[in-house]
């Protein structure tokens, strides 16, 4: 079965909102909005995350000079129970809302769905939004910050950030094109350590990449960059090893949003960044602008997610993971054919 779907739509505009830690990182100058207290004027961390989603989507709409009525739908999600960050943050938009939970792959999942539906004419344009907040995620999945729990070397730092993307079936002159998408499959290789999500997610990323290369008859050298969402240093190293064993060496063109967003030397994030906001903010404010200017021509973007809950980990179950893929091309590469 053909799992790679060719699309012909663009990302009209994108925006990012981040916290203090992210603003202080190597990509700090590229983010649209930030808050040095991570509260965004709200009284709880959950309300702060909801506000990030609202701010990100409003900023993207302002960039595109669109009114919200132009959107056929909003696909949005986060890491919280019932996706309350998205539901509360976007409740005042009079646009059909579809909540998503793909763990840290949510931004890629939302973009994949918007691209497919806009390309097939279901919507003329739609939005994808994803967020995470360090304080809400720590409280839900681990322990409250006040507890002061020690973190293992393989643990990652949940990004406080939100990214919003406007996908349009009409291709703009300089807008990055979504050339193809490929949904991932759930992969579980027996990893039970919730403090090492990179190891749990790396096999899913390898599975998606290998199926993509096999189906499209492409190789890593056909792309300027192959970037994963939040494998971090631990998972990124494992992915490169898995791909090398399979005969597809990606090391020369590989990077990970979780390794890019923080400085390993000056910020103590252990194995790098994670969370829905990790890939969403890096893609929105760093990678897509590089595609728009032509600094990058062909990019494979894989949103990676560990599909777990605290309860399932406490019951001793292994962590299933998923990786959704999108292929972005710059305007100079629009005539490039995958098949």
Foldseek 3Di string as FASTA:
>chain_A
DDQKFFFWWFFLAKAKEFEQQLLPFPCNVQHDYYYDVLQCPHDDNLVSLLQQQLVGVVVRCVVNVHDLVLAQEEEEAFQDVVRSSPCVSCVPRPHHYDYDDAWQLQQVVRVQVQRVCCRVPVHQKHKYKYFYAQQVCCVFFPNGVVVVDDADLQAFGETGMMMMTMMGSDDDDLTKTFGIKGWFDKDFDFALDPRHVLCGFLVQVLVRVVVLCVSLVDALVVFQAEEEEASFQVNVVVNQVVCVVVVGHNVVRYDYLQPRSHDVVPDPGNRGYTTNRSNRRCCNRPVRVCLSVVVTFKYKYKRKRFPDGNVCSVVVDTTIMHIIITIIGTNVCPVPDSD
